[in-house]
Amino acid sequence: MRTPKQFEEWLNSDNIKDDLNKIGDEMLVEDENFTEKSCTLETSSVEGLSTTCTSCCLSKNIIEGLKQRLKELELKLKNNDLALENCSLKFQNKIQKINSERENEIKNLKQNFQQLIEENNKQLKAENDAYLKQKDEKINLLEEEIKNVNKNFLNII
């Protein structure tokens, strides 16, 4: 903390006045709606006291401007947060939709694959049955030929 004398010297320094004026000007430029509050100053015979009161009034105005700017920035931050949350929800919905579509595609592919397997099995079974039938016919034909050969052989003997 500064002593009252140090504070007065600090307030009276040229750099501080310039900085305060710059800050004050920036606040007025940034916020067009900001209306400067008037401070009632009691005139005093002490010159430093009126300067201090003027500085206090300016400081109060700056503080009020900063508070208002802070509120604006907080509102802007809240709006940005809500916008980000909204985007996040939209992306989550898109991701869920894409995942659902992919799951349906996978389900359809599995069904199609199962159908192809079943059709292939039916075709192989039909081919196998036809092949077995041909084999049975050939075996029967060969058995008939063997019987005929045996009969002919027995007839010859």
Protein backbone atom coordinates (compact mmCIF):
# COMPACT_ATOMS: atom_id res chain seq x y z
CA MET A 1 0.00 0.00 0.00
CA ARG A 2 1.09 3.54 -0.65
CA THR A 3 1.01 6.31 1.82
CA PRO A 4 -1.31 9.22 1.00
CA LYS A 5 1.69 11.32 -0.01
CA GLN A 6 3.08 8.57 -2.30
CA PHE A 7 -0.37 8.11 -3.80
CA GLU A 8 -0.66 11.85 -4.48
CA GLU A 9 2.79 11.93 -6.10
CA TRP A 10 1.85 8.94 -8.20
CA LEU A 11 -1.38 10.60 -9.29
CA ASN A 12 0.38 13.85 -10.13
CA SER A 13 3.10 12.24 -12.24
CA ASP A 14 2.90 13.00 -15.97
CA ASN A 15 3.14 9.35 -17.03
CA ILE A 16 0.18 8.36 -14.88
CA LYS A 17 -1.95 11.24 -16.15
CA ASP A 18 -1.12 10.31 -19.74
CA ASP A 19 -1.89 6.65 -19.05
CA LEU A 20 -5.15 7.54 -17.33
CA ASN A 21 -6.10 9.81 -20.21
CA LYS A 22 -5.28 7.05 -22.71
CA ILE A 23 -7.31 4.52 -20.76
CA GLY A 24 -10.16 6.99 -20.43
CA ASP A 25 -10.06 7.75 -24.16
CA GLU A 26 -9.95 4.04 -25.02
CA MET A 27 -12.91 3.33 -22.79
CA LEU A 28 -14.94 6.12 -24.35
CA VAL A 29 -14.04 4.96 -27.86
CA GLU A 30 -14.78 1.29 -27.11
CA ASP A 31 -18.12 1.95 -25.51
CA GLU A 32 -20.19 4.58 -27.29
CA ASN A 33 -23.06 4.06 -24.87
CA PHE A 34 -20.89 4.91 -21.88
CA THR A 35 -21.96 8.16 -20.34
CA GLU A 36 -19.48 9.82 -18.10
CA LYS A 37 -20.79 10.14 -14.60
CA SER A 38 -20.37 13.54 -13.13
CA CYS A 39 -18.63 13.87 -9.85
CA THR A 40 -19.33 16.78 -7.59
CA LEU A 41 -16.14 18.35 -6.44
CA GLU A 42 -15.91 20.52 -3.44
CA THR A 43 -13.61 23.39 -4.10
CA SER A 44 -10.87 23.67 -1.63
CA SER A 45 -8.05 26.03 -1.10
CA VAL A 46 -5.62 23.13 -1.24
CA GLU A 47 -4.59 22.62 -4.86
CA GLY A 48 -3.51 18.98 -4.54
CA LEU A 49 -6.87 18.01 -3.06
CA SER A 50 -8.88 19.09 -6.11
CA THR A 51 -6.47 17.24 -8.39
CA THR A 52 -6.89 14.15 -6.26
CA CYS A 53 -10.68 14.44 -6.40
CA THR A 54 -10.56 14.88 -10.16
CA SER A 55 -8.32 11.84 -10.43
CA CYS A 56 -10.68 9.89 -8.18
CA CYS A 57 -13.61 10.89 -10.36
CA LEU A 58 -11.70 9.86 -13.47
CA SER A 59 -10.65 6.63 -11.76
CA LYS A 60 -14.27 5.90 -10.82
CA ASN A 61 -15.34 6.51 -14.41
CA ILE A 62 -12.57 4.27 -15.67
CA ILE A 63 -13.51 1.58 -13.17
CA GLU A 64 -17.17 1.80 -14.20
CA GLY A 65 -16.15 1.60 -17.85
CA LEU A 66 -13.94 -1.39 -17.12
CA LYS A 67 -16.75 -3.09 -15.20
CA GLN A 68 -19.10 -2.54 -18.11
CA ARG A 69 -16.49 -3.80 -20.57
CA LEU A 70 -15.91 -6.83 -18.33
CA LYS A 71 -19.64 -7.57 -18.38
CA GLU A 72 -19.67 -7.27 -22.17
CA LEU A 73 -16.69 -9.59 -22.46
CA GLU A 74 -18.31 -12.08 -20.06
CA LEU A 75 -21.47 -12.02 -22.18
CA LYS A 76 -19.41 -12.49 -25.31
CA LEU A 77 -17.58 -15.38 -23.65
CA LYS A 78 -20.89 -16.97 -22.63
CA ASN A 79 -22.15 -16.58 -26.20
CA ASN A 80 -18.98 -18.17 -27.52
CA ASP A 81 -19.33 -21.02 -25.02
CA LEU A 82 -22.93 -21.58 -26.10
CA ALA A 83 -21.92 -21.48 -29.76
CA LEU A 84 -19.16 -24.01 -29.11
CA GLU A 85 -21.55 -26.22 -27.18
CA ASN A 86 -24.05 -25.98 -30.03
CA CYS A 87 -21.37 -26.94 -32.56
CA SER A 88 -20.30 -29.80 -30.33
CA LEU A 89 -23.87 -31.09 -30.15
CA LYS A 90 -24.24 -30.80 -33.93
CA PHE A 91 -21.01 -32.75 -34.42
CA GLN A 92 -22.13 -35.39 -31.93
CA ASN A 93 -25.42 -35.75 -33.80
CA LYS A 94 -23.58 -36.06 -37.11
CA ILE A 95 -21.24 -38.65 -35.62
CA GLN A 96 -24.18 -40.63 -34.23
CA LYS A 97 -25.92 -40.47 -37.61
CA ILE A 98 -22.79 -41.63 -39.42
CA ASN A 99 -22.26 -44.42 -36.88
CA SER A 100 -25.87 -45.52 -37.29
CA GLU A 101 -25.49 -45.54 -41.08
CA ARG A 102 -22.28 -47.57 -40.82
CA GLU A 103 -23.92 -50.06 -38.46
CA ASN A 104 -26.79 -50.48 -40.93
CA GLU A 105 -24.31 -50.96 -43.78
CA ILE A 106 -22.41 -53.58 -41.77
CA LYS A 107 -25.68 -55.33 -40.91
CA ASN A 108 -26.70 -55.35 -44.59
CA LEU A 109 -23.27 -56.64 -45.64
CA LYS A 110 -23.49 -59.46 -43.09
CA GLN A 111 -26.96 -60.39 -44.36
CA ASN A 112 -25.79 -60.31 -47.98
CA PHE A 113 -22.73 -62.36 -47.10
CA GLN A 114 -24.90 -64.92 -45.28
CA GLN A 115 -27.22 -65.13 -48.30
CA LEU A 116 -24.25 -65.67 -50.61
CA ILE A 117 -22.95 -68.44 -48.34
CA GLU A 118 -26.36 -70.13 -48.30
CA GLU A 119 -26.71 -69.85 -52.08
CA ASN A 120 -23.20 -71.20 -52.55
CA ASN A 121 -23.95 -74.11 -50.20
CA LYS A 122 -27.17 -74.91 -52.10
CA GLN A 123 -25.32 -74.80 -55.40
CA LEU A 124 -22.52 -77.04 -54.09
CA LYS A 125 -25.06 -79.46 -52.63
CA ALA A 126 -26.96 -79.59 -55.94
CA GLU A 127 -23.71 -80.18 -57.84
CA ASN A 128 -22.66 -82.81 -55.29
CA ASP A 129 -26.04 -84.55 -55.53
CA ALA A 130 -25.81 -84.56 -59.34
CA TYR A 131 -22.28 -85.93 -59.16
CA LEU A 132 -23.34 -88.63 -56.67
CA LYS A 133 -26.28 -89.54 -58.90
CA GLN A 134 -23.96 -89.90 -61.89
CA LYS A 135 -21.62 -92.02 -59.77
CA ASP A 136 -24.49 -94.24 -58.62
CA GLU A 137 -25.67 -94.64 -62.21
CA LYS A 138 -22.17 -95.51 -63.34
CA ILE A 139 -21.78 -97.99 -60.47
CA ASN A 140 -25.12 -99.56 -61.36
CA LEU A 141 -24.11 -99.71 -65.02
CA LEU A 142 -20.78 -101.31 -64.12
CA GLU A 143 -22.53 -103.79 -61.82
CA GLU A 144 -24.85 -104.69 -64.69
CA GLU A 145 -21.89 -105.16 -67.01
CA ILE A 146 -20.15 -107.35 -64.41
CA LYS A 147 -23.30 -109.46 -64.12
CA ASN A 148 -23.52 -109.73 -67.89
CA VAL A 149 -19.86 -110.66 -68.12
CA ASN A 150 -20.34 -113.26 -65.38
CA LYS A 151 -23.39 -114.66 -67.18
CA ASN A 152 -21.52 -114.79 -70.44
CA PHE A 153 -18.57 -116.38 -68.73
CA LEU A 154 -20.80 -118.95 -67.07
CA ASN A 155 -22.52 -119.61 -70.35
CA ILE A 156 -19.23 -120.20 -72.01
CA ILE A 157 -18.05 -122.59 -69.43
